[in-house]
């Protein structure tokens, strides 16, 4: 019966977004593209933007088991559930616009991919997943402690 109660707690949610990381990024890209008779053209593109990374858990991956006065909770590793660069925040600070430096959709896509990879790695190294794990443990403890008849059980995370 107790395992059924703890399982129901997790089924209330499809995903637990447990840590939201807001950031401001600046990207500076220099290109040397053309050499016409000893002249070298350098094109600089500088962008500022904001974004949101949401980390957490798929609740279907959180397992619980009850035994010997303990509730065992097995957590998977936290993961990034979504990452969005706010397109409205994208601001070009300096750009060399001319016939030699057209901005293409490929440039924009490449920018988004590289900046997302960079900011995700930075957020993870700054402790995003550790904070998500600590927050989900606190949330699970609070949810379990609110269930009647569960006061004598110890919650153990694996």
N, C-alpha and C. Protein backbone atom coordinates (compact mmCIF):
# COMPACT_ATOMS: atom_id res chain seq x y z
N UNK A 1 0.82 -1.20 0.00
CA UNK A 1 0.00 0.00 0.00
C UNK A 1 0.87 1.27 0.00
N UNK A 2 1.94 1.23 0.81
CA UNK A 2 2.80 2.40 0.91
C UNK A 2 3.51 2.67 -0.42
N UNK A 3 3.95 1.61 -1.12
CA UNK A 3 4.62 1.78 -2.40
C UNK A 3 3.67 2.41 -3.41
N UNK A 4 2.41 2.05 -3.33
CA UNK A 4 1.40 2.61 -4.23
C UNK A 4 1.25 4.11 -3.98
N UNK A 5 1.26 4.52 -2.72
CA UNK A 5 1.16 5.94 -2.38
C UNK A 5 2.35 6.73 -2.90
N UNK A 6 3.55 6.20 -2.71
CA UNK A 6 4.73 6.93 -3.18
C UNK A 6 4.76 6.97 -4.70
N UNK A 7 4.32 5.91 -5.34
CA UNK A 7 4.26 5.90 -6.80
C UNK A 7 3.28 6.93 -7.34
N UNK A 8 2.16 7.11 -6.65
CA UNK A 8 1.16 8.10 -7.08
C UNK A 8 1.70 9.52 -7.00
N UNK A 9 2.57 9.76 -6.04
CA UNK A 9 3.16 11.09 -5.91
C UNK A 9 3.88 11.47 -7.20
N UNK A 10 4.63 10.54 -7.78
CA UNK A 10 5.40 10.84 -8.98
C UNK A 10 4.54 10.89 -10.22
N UNK A 11 3.44 10.13 -10.24
CA UNK A 11 2.59 10.09 -11.43
C UNK A 11 1.77 11.35 -11.60
N UNK A 12 1.75 12.22 -10.59
CA UNK A 12 1.04 13.50 -10.70
C UNK A 12 1.73 14.41 -11.70
N UNK A 13 2.97 14.16 -11.98
CA UNK A 13 3.75 15.01 -12.87
C UNK A 13 4.32 14.17 -14.01
N UNK A 14 4.37 14.74 -15.20
CA UNK A 14 5.06 14.07 -16.30
C UNK A 14 6.55 14.36 -16.23
N UNK A 15 6.85 15.59 -15.89
CA UNK A 15 8.23 16.03 -15.76
C UNK A 15 8.34 16.89 -14.53
N UNK A 16 9.47 16.82 -13.90
CA UNK A 16 9.74 17.72 -12.79
C UNK A 16 10.85 18.64 -13.25
N UNK A 17 10.48 19.88 -13.52
CA UNK A 17 11.49 20.88 -13.85
C UNK A 17 11.90 21.48 -12.52
N UNK A 18 13.09 21.16 -12.11
CA UNK A 18 13.49 21.42 -10.74
C UNK A 18 14.50 22.56 -10.62
N UNK A 19 15.11 22.91 -11.72
CA UNK A 19 16.08 24.02 -11.69
C UNK A 19 16.00 24.75 -13.03
N UNK A 20 15.78 26.05 -12.94
CA UNK A 20 15.76 26.90 -14.13
C UNK A 20 16.96 27.82 -14.06
N UNK A 21 17.73 27.84 -15.13
CA UNK A 21 18.96 28.63 -15.20
C UNK A 21 18.78 29.71 -16.26
N UNK A 22 18.78 30.98 -15.85
CA UNK A 22 18.68 32.10 -16.77
C UNK A 22 20.10 32.60 -17.04
N UNK A 23 20.36 33.02 -18.26
CA UNK A 23 21.70 33.50 -18.57
C UNK A 23 21.66 34.62 -19.60
N UNK A 24 22.73 35.40 -19.62
CA UNK A 24 22.98 36.41 -20.63
C UNK A 24 24.26 36.00 -21.33
N UNK A 25 24.22 35.92 -22.63
CA UNK A 25 25.40 35.51 -23.39
C UNK A 25 25.81 36.57 -24.38
N UNK A 26 27.08 36.61 -24.66
CA UNK A 26 27.62 37.50 -25.69
C UNK A 26 28.50 36.65 -26.59
N UNK A 27 28.31 36.80 -27.88
CA UNK A 27 29.07 36.04 -28.85
C UNK A 27 29.78 37.00 -29.79
N UNK A 28 31.07 36.82 -29.94
CA UNK A 28 31.84 37.63 -30.88
C UNK A 28 32.47 36.68 -31.88
N UNK A 29 32.16 36.90 -33.16
CA UNK A 29 32.67 36.05 -34.21
C UNK A 29 33.39 36.92 -35.22
N UNK A 30 34.64 36.58 -35.51
CA UNK A 30 35.40 37.31 -36.53
C UNK A 30 35.64 36.37 -37.70
N UNK A 31 35.45 36.88 -38.88
CA UNK A 31 35.70 36.10 -40.09
C UNK A 31 36.64 36.88 -41.00
N UNK A 32 37.57 36.19 -41.57
CA UNK A 32 38.38 36.77 -42.64
C UNK A 32 37.97 35.99 -43.87
N UNK A 33 37.27 36.67 -44.77
CA UNK A 33 36.65 35.94 -45.86
C UNK A 33 37.27 36.19 -47.23
N UNK A 34 37.77 37.36 -47.47
CA UNK A 34 38.14 37.68 -48.84
C UNK A 34 39.53 38.31 -48.88
N UNK A 35 40.28 37.98 -49.91
CA UNK A 35 41.58 38.58 -50.13
C UNK A 35 41.61 39.05 -51.59
N UNK A 36 41.39 40.34 -51.81
CA UNK A 36 41.39 40.90 -53.15
C UNK A 36 42.64 41.76 -53.34
N UNK A 37 43.56 41.27 -54.11
CA UNK A 37 44.78 42.01 -54.44
C UNK A 37 45.44 42.58 -53.19
N UNK A 38 45.77 41.72 -52.26
CA UNK A 38 46.49 42.08 -51.04
C UNK A 38 45.62 42.77 -49.99
N UNK A 39 44.33 42.97 -50.24
CA UNK A 39 43.45 43.54 -49.23
C UNK A 39 42.75 42.41 -48.50
N UNK A 40 42.69 42.54 -47.23
CA UNK A 40 42.03 41.52 -46.41
C UNK A 40 40.83 42.17 -45.72
N UNK A 41 39.67 41.54 -45.87
CA UNK A 41 38.47 42.06 -45.23
C UNK A 41 38.19 41.23 -43.97
N UNK A 42 38.03 41.91 -42.86
CA UNK A 42 37.70 41.25 -41.60
C UNK A 42 36.28 41.66 -41.24
N UNK A 43 35.46 40.66 -41.01
CA UNK A 43 34.07 40.92 -40.67
C UNK A 43 33.84 40.49 -39.22
N UNK A 44 33.25 41.38 -38.45
CA UNK A 44 33.00 41.11 -37.05
C UNK A 44 31.50 41.09 -36.82
N UNK A 45 31.09 40.11 -36.07
CA UNK A 45 29.68 39.96 -35.74
C UNK A 45 29.59 39.74 -34.24
N UNK A 46 28.96 40.65 -33.52
CA UNK A 46 28.86 40.55 -32.07
C UNK A 46 27.39 40.55 -31.68
N UNK A 47 26.99 39.54 -30.92
CA UNK A 47 25.59 39.39 -30.55
C UNK A 47 25.46 39.26 -29.04
N UNK A 48 24.36 39.80 -28.50
CA UNK A 48 24.02 39.62 -27.09
C UNK A 48 22.64 39.00 -27.05
N UNK A 49 22.43 38.09 -26.11
CA UNK A 49 21.16 37.36 -26.06
C UNK A 49 20.94 36.82 -24.65
N UNK A 50 19.71 36.44 -24.37
CA UNK A 50 19.39 35.77 -23.11
C UNK A 50 18.76 34.43 -23.42
N UNK A 51 18.81 33.56 -22.43
CA UNK A 51 18.23 32.23 -22.63
C UNK A 51 17.84 31.60 -21.31
N UNK A 52 17.15 30.49 -21.42
CA UNK A 52 16.68 29.74 -20.26
C UNK A 52 16.99 28.27 -20.49
N UNK A 53 17.65 27.66 -19.51
CA UNK A 53 17.89 26.22 -19.52
C UNK A 53 17.09 25.64 -18.36
N UNK A 54 16.28 24.62 -18.66
CA UNK A 54 15.50 23.97 -17.61
C UNK A 54 16.01 22.54 -17.45
N UNK A 55 16.38 22.21 -16.22
CA UNK A 55 16.90 20.88 -15.93
C UNK A 55 15.97 20.19 -14.94
N UNK A 56 15.93 18.88 -15.02
CA UNK A 56 15.09 18.13 -14.10
C UNK A 56 15.03 16.66 -14.45
N UNK A 57 13.86 16.08 -14.24
CA UNK A 57 13.69 14.63 -14.34
C UNK A 57 12.39 14.28 -15.05
N UNK A 58 12.42 13.18 -15.78
CA UNK A 58 11.20 12.57 -16.28
C UNK A 58 10.71 11.71 -15.12
N UNK A 59 9.50 11.94 -14.66
CA UNK A 59 9.04 11.22 -13.46
C UNK A 59 8.90 9.72 -13.71
N UNK A 60 8.72 9.33 -14.95
CA UNK A 60 8.62 7.90 -15.24
C UNK A 60 9.94 7.18 -14.94
N UNK A 61 11.03 7.94 -14.85
CA UNK A 61 12.34 7.35 -14.58
C UNK A 61 12.68 7.33 -13.09
N UNK A 62 11.85 7.95 -12.25
CA UNK A 62 12.07 7.93 -10.80
C UNK A 62 11.38 6.69 -10.24
N UNK A 63 12.14 5.87 -9.55
CA UNK A 63 11.60 4.62 -9.01
C UNK A 63 11.54 4.69 -7.49
N UNK A 64 10.53 4.02 -6.92
CA UNK A 64 10.42 3.97 -5.46
C UNK A 64 10.13 2.54 -5.03
N UNK A 65 10.63 2.21 -3.85
CA UNK A 65 10.44 0.88 -3.28
C UNK A 65 10.35 1.05 -1.77
N UNK A 66 9.44 0.31 -1.14
CA UNK A 66 9.26 0.41 0.31
C UNK A 66 9.69 -0.91 0.94
N UNK A 67 10.44 -0.78 2.04
CA UNK A 67 10.87 -1.97 2.76
C UNK A 67 11.53 -1.63 4.07
N UNK A 68 11.27 -2.41 5.10
CA UNK A 68 11.91 -2.29 6.42
C UNK A 68 11.90 -0.87 6.98
N UNK A 69 10.75 -0.20 6.94
CA UNK A 69 10.64 1.13 7.50
C UNK A 69 11.33 2.21 6.70
N UNK A 70 11.68 1.89 5.46
CA UNK A 70 12.37 2.86 4.61
C UNK A 70 11.67 2.95 3.26
N UNK A 71 11.74 4.11 2.68
CA UNK A 71 11.28 4.32 1.31
C UNK A 71 12.53 4.62 0.50
N UNK A 72 12.82 3.74 -0.44
CA UNK A 72 14.00 3.89 -1.28
C UNK A 72 13.60 4.59 -2.58
N UNK A 73 14.25 5.69 -2.87
CA UNK A 73 13.98 6.45 -4.09
C UNK A 73 15.24 6.36 -4.96
N UNK A 74 15.05 5.88 -6.17
CA UNK A 74 16.15 5.81 -7.12
C UNK A 74 15.96 6.92 -8.15
N UNK A 75 16.91 7.84 -8.15
CA UNK A 75 16.86 8.96 -9.09
C UNK A 75 17.78 8.70 -10.26
N UNK A 76 17.31 8.96 -11.48
CA UNK A 76 18.24 8.94 -12.61
C UNK A 76 19.10 10.20 -12.54
N UNK A 77 20.01 10.35 -13.45
CA UNK A 77 20.78 11.59 -13.52
C UNK A 77 19.87 12.69 -14.05
N UNK A 78 20.02 13.87 -13.51
CA UNK A 78 19.27 15.02 -14.02
C UNK A 78 19.66 15.25 -15.47
N UNK A 79 18.75 15.85 -16.22
CA UNK A 79 19.06 16.15 -17.62
C UNK A 79 18.42 17.47 -18.02
N UNK A 80 18.88 18.00 -19.11
CA UNK A 80 18.30 19.23 -19.63
C UNK A 80 16.99 18.86 -20.32
N UNK A 81 15.92 19.48 -19.85
CA UNK A 81 14.60 19.21 -20.40
C UNK A 81 14.24 20.19 -21.52
N UNK A 82 14.77 21.40 -21.43
CA UNK A 82 14.57 22.36 -22.51
C UNK A 82 15.65 23.43 -22.43
N UNK A 83 15.88 24.06 -23.56
CA UNK A 83 16.86 25.14 -23.64
C UNK A 83 16.40 26.06 -24.77
N UNK A 84 16.12 27.29 -24.41
CA UNK A 84 15.65 28.24 -25.40
C UNK A 84 16.44 29.52 -25.34
N UNK A 85 16.87 29.99 -26.49
CA UNK A 85 17.43 31.33 -26.59
C UNK A 85 16.26 32.23 -26.94
N UNK A 86 16.05 33.27 -26.16
CA UNK A 86 14.94 34.19 -26.41
C UNK A 86 15.23 34.97 -27.68
N UNK A 87 14.50 34.66 -28.73
CA UNK A 87 14.75 35.30 -30.02
C UNK A 87 14.53 36.81 -29.97
N UNK A 88 13.62 37.25 -29.10
CA UNK A 88 13.36 38.69 -28.99
C UNK A 88 14.52 39.42 -28.31
N UNK A 89 15.32 38.69 -27.56
CA UNK A 89 16.44 39.33 -26.86
C UNK A 89 17.69 39.43 -27.73
N UNK A 90 17.72 38.74 -28.85
CA UNK A 90 18.91 38.73 -29.70
C UNK A 90 19.15 40.13 -30.25
N UNK A 91 20.33 40.66 -29.91
CA UNK A 91 20.68 42.02 -30.28
C UNK A 91 22.05 42.00 -30.93
N UNK A 92 22.14 42.54 -32.12
CA UNK A 92 23.42 42.63 -32.81
C UNK A 92 24.08 43.92 -32.38
N UNK A 93 25.24 43.81 -31.74
CA UNK A 93 25.94 44.98 -31.20
C UNK A 93 26.88 45.61 -32.21
N UNK A 94 27.49 44.79 -33.05
CA UNK A 94 28.42 45.30 -34.04
C UNK A 94 28.42 44.31 -35.20
N UNK A 95 28.24 44.83 -36.37
CA UNK A 95 28.18 43.93 -37.51
C UNK A 95 28.71 44.64 -38.74
N UNK A 96 29.53 43.96 -39.47
CA UNK A 96 30.01 44.49 -40.74
C UNK A 96 29.05 44.03 -41.82
N UNK A 97 28.22 44.93 -42.27
CA UNK A 97 27.25 44.58 -43.33
C UNK A 97 27.75 45.16 -44.64
N UNK A 98 27.90 44.31 -45.60
CA UNK A 98 28.24 44.74 -46.94
C UNK A 98 28.02 43.56 -47.86
N UNK A 99 28.31 43.73 -49.11
CA UNK A 99 28.03 42.66 -50.07
C UNK A 99 28.90 41.43 -49.83
N UNK A 100 30.02 41.58 -49.10
CA UNK A 100 30.90 40.46 -48.85
C UNK A 100 30.53 39.68 -47.59
N UNK A 101 29.58 40.18 -46.82
CA UNK A 101 29.25 39.57 -45.54
C UNK A 101 27.73 39.39 -45.36
N UNK A 102 27.10 38.64 -46.23
CA UNK A 102 25.67 38.42 -46.04
C UNK A 102 25.44 37.47 -44.86
N UNK A 103 24.39 37.72 -44.10
CA UNK A 103 24.03 36.83 -43.00
C UNK A 103 23.02 35.82 -43.55
N UNK A 104 23.33 34.56 -43.37
CA UNK A 104 22.48 33.52 -43.92
C UNK A 104 21.77 32.78 -42.79
N UNK A 105 20.77 32.01 -43.14
CA UNK A 105 20.07 31.19 -42.15
C UNK A 105 21.03 30.16 -41.56
N UNK A 106 21.99 29.70 -42.34
CA UNK A 106 22.99 28.77 -41.83
C UNK A 106 23.84 29.42 -40.74
N UNK A 107 24.17 30.71 -40.92
CA UNK A 107 24.92 31.43 -39.89
C UNK A 107 24.12 31.48 -38.59
N UNK A 108 22.83 31.78 -38.70
CA UNK A 108 21.97 31.87 -37.51
C UNK A 108 21.83 30.51 -36.83
N UNK A 109 21.60 29.47 -37.62
CA UNK A 109 21.48 28.12 -37.05
C UNK A 109 22.78 27.68 -36.37
N UNK A 110 23.89 27.96 -37.00
CA UNK A 110 25.19 27.61 -36.43
C UNK A 110 25.41 28.37 -35.13
N UNK A 111 25.04 29.64 -35.11
CA UNK A 111 25.14 30.45 -33.90
C UNK A 111 24.34 29.82 -32.76
N UNK A 112 23.08 29.47 -33.03
CA UNK A 112 22.23 28.88 -31.98
C UNK A 112 22.81 27.58 -31.46
N UNK A 113 23.26 26.72 -32.34
CA UNK A 113 23.79 25.41 -31.92
C UNK A 113 25.03 25.59 -31.05
N UNK A 114 25.98 26.39 -31.52
CA UNK A 114 27.22 26.55 -30.75
C UNK A 114 26.98 27.25 -29.43
N UNK A 115 26.11 28.25 -29.41
CA UNK A 115 25.86 28.97 -28.16
C UNK A 115 25.10 28.10 -27.16
N UNK A 116 24.18 27.29 -27.63
CA UNK A 116 23.46 26.39 -26.72
C UNK A 116 24.43 25.37 -26.12
N UNK A 117 25.28 24.79 -26.95
CA UNK A 117 26.27 23.83 -26.43
C UNK A 117 27.16 24.48 -25.38
N UNK A 118 27.65 25.67 -25.68
CA UNK A 118 28.55 26.38 -24.77
C UNK A 118 27.85 26.68 -23.44
N UNK A 119 26.64 27.25 -23.50
CA UNK A 119 25.96 27.65 -22.26
C UNK A 119 25.50 26.43 -21.46
N UNK A 120 25.15 25.33 -22.12
CA UNK A 120 24.79 24.11 -21.39
C UNK A 120 26.00 23.56 -20.64
N UNK A 121 27.14 23.47 -21.31
CA UNK A 121 28.36 22.98 -20.66
C UNK A 121 28.73 23.87 -19.47
N UNK A 122 28.61 25.17 -19.65
CA UNK A 122 28.93 26.11 -18.57
C UNK A 122 27.97 25.94 -17.40
N UNK A 123 26.68 25.84 -17.67
CA UNK A 123 25.68 25.69 -16.61
C UNK A 123 25.90 24.39 -15.84
N UNK A 124 26.21 23.32 -16.55
CA UNK A 124 26.45 22.02 -15.90
C UNK A 124 27.70 22.10 -15.03
N UNK A 125 28.77 22.69 -15.56
CA UNK A 125 30.01 22.80 -14.76
C UNK A 125 29.83 23.74 -13.57
N UNK A 126 28.88 24.66 -13.66
CA UNK A 126 28.59 25.56 -12.54
C UNK A 126 27.63 24.93 -11.52
N UNK A 127 27.22 23.66 -11.75
CA UNK A 127 26.42 22.96 -10.75
C UNK A 127 24.94 22.85 -11.03
N UNK A 128 24.50 23.07 -12.27
CA UNK A 128 23.08 22.99 -12.61
C UNK A 128 22.47 21.66 -12.20
N UNK A 129 23.10 20.53 -12.55
CA UNK A 129 22.54 19.21 -12.24
C UNK A 129 22.60 18.92 -10.74
N UNK A 130 23.65 19.37 -10.06
CA UNK A 130 23.73 19.18 -8.61
C UNK A 130 22.60 19.92 -7.90
N UNK A 131 22.34 21.14 -8.34
CA UNK A 131 21.24 21.91 -7.75
C UNK A 131 19.90 21.25 -8.04
N UNK A 132 19.73 20.74 -9.25
CA UNK A 132 18.48 20.06 -9.60
C UNK A 132 18.29 18.83 -8.72
N UNK A 133 19.35 18.06 -8.49
CA UNK A 133 19.25 16.88 -7.64
C UNK A 133 18.90 17.25 -6.20
N UNK A 134 19.55 18.26 -5.67
CA UNK A 134 19.24 18.70 -4.30
C UNK A 134 17.80 19.18 -4.19
N UNK A 135 17.34 19.93 -5.20
CA UNK A 135 15.98 20.45 -5.18
C UNK A 135 14.94 19.34 -5.30
N UNK A 136 15.20 18.34 -6.15
CA UNK A 136 14.21 17.26 -6.29
C UNK A 136 14.15 16.42 -5.03
N UNK A 137 15.27 16.22 -4.36
CA UNK A 137 15.27 15.47 -3.10
C UNK A 137 14.43 16.20 -2.05
N UNK A 138 14.61 17.50 -1.98
CA UNK A 138 13.83 18.30 -1.03
C UNK A 138 12.34 18.23 -1.36
N UNK A 139 12.02 18.34 -2.64
CA UNK A 139 10.62 18.28 -3.07
C UNK A 139 10.00 16.91 -2.77
N UNK A 140 10.73 15.84 -3.03
CA UNK A 140 10.22 14.49 -2.76
C UNK A 140 10.02 14.29 -1.27
N UNK A 141 10.98 14.73 -0.47
CA UNK A 141 10.83 14.63 0.99
C UNK A 141 9.57 15.36 1.47
N UNK A 142 9.33 16.55 0.96
CA UNK A 142 8.14 17.30 1.34
C UNK A 142 6.86 16.58 0.89
N UNK A 143 6.86 16.06 -0.33
CA UNK A 143 5.68 15.37 -0.84
C UNK A 143 5.38 14.12 -0.03
N UNK A 144 6.42 13.34 0.27
CA UNK A 144 6.23 12.09 1.03
C UNK A 144 5.79 12.39 2.46
N UNK A 145 6.37 13.43 3.05
CA UNK A 145 6.01 13.74 4.44
C UNK A 145 4.57 14.22 4.57
N UNK A 146 3.95 14.62 3.47
CA UNK A 146 2.56 15.08 3.53
C UNK A 146 1.56 13.92 3.47
N UNK A 147 2.04 12.71 3.21
CA UNK A 147 1.16 11.53 3.12
C UNK A 147 0.90 11.01 4.53
N UNK A 148 -0.39 10.79 4.85
CA UNK A 148 -0.75 10.27 6.18
C UNK A 148 -0.20 8.87 6.38
N UNK A 149 0.24 8.59 7.61
CA UNK A 149 0.72 7.26 7.96
C UNK A 149 2.13 6.96 7.52
N UNK A 150 2.85 7.94 7.14
CA UNK A 150 4.20 7.70 6.60
C UNK A 150 5.29 8.26 7.52
N UNK A 151 4.87 8.78 8.67
CA UNK A 151 5.80 9.45 9.59
C UNK A 151 6.95 8.56 10.05
N UNK A 152 6.73 7.27 10.17
CA UNK A 152 7.75 6.36 10.70
C UNK A 152 8.75 5.87 9.64
N UNK A 153 8.58 6.29 8.41
CA UNK A 153 9.45 5.83 7.33
C UNK A 153 10.59 6.82 7.09
N UNK A 154 11.75 6.27 6.80
CA UNK A 154 12.91 7.08 6.45
C UNK A 154 13.05 7.05 4.91
N UNK A 155 13.29 8.20 4.33
CA UNK A 155 13.48 8.28 2.88
C UNK A 155 14.96 8.16 2.58
N UNK A 156 15.30 7.18 1.71
CA UNK A 156 16.68 6.93 1.33
C UNK A 156 16.80 7.11 -0.19
N UNK A 157 17.71 7.98 -0.61
CA UNK A 157 17.93 8.20 -2.05
C UNK A 157 19.12 7.37 -2.52
N UNK A 158 18.92 6.74 -3.66
CA UNK A 158 20.00 5.94 -4.27
C UNK A 158 20.52 6.64 -5.50
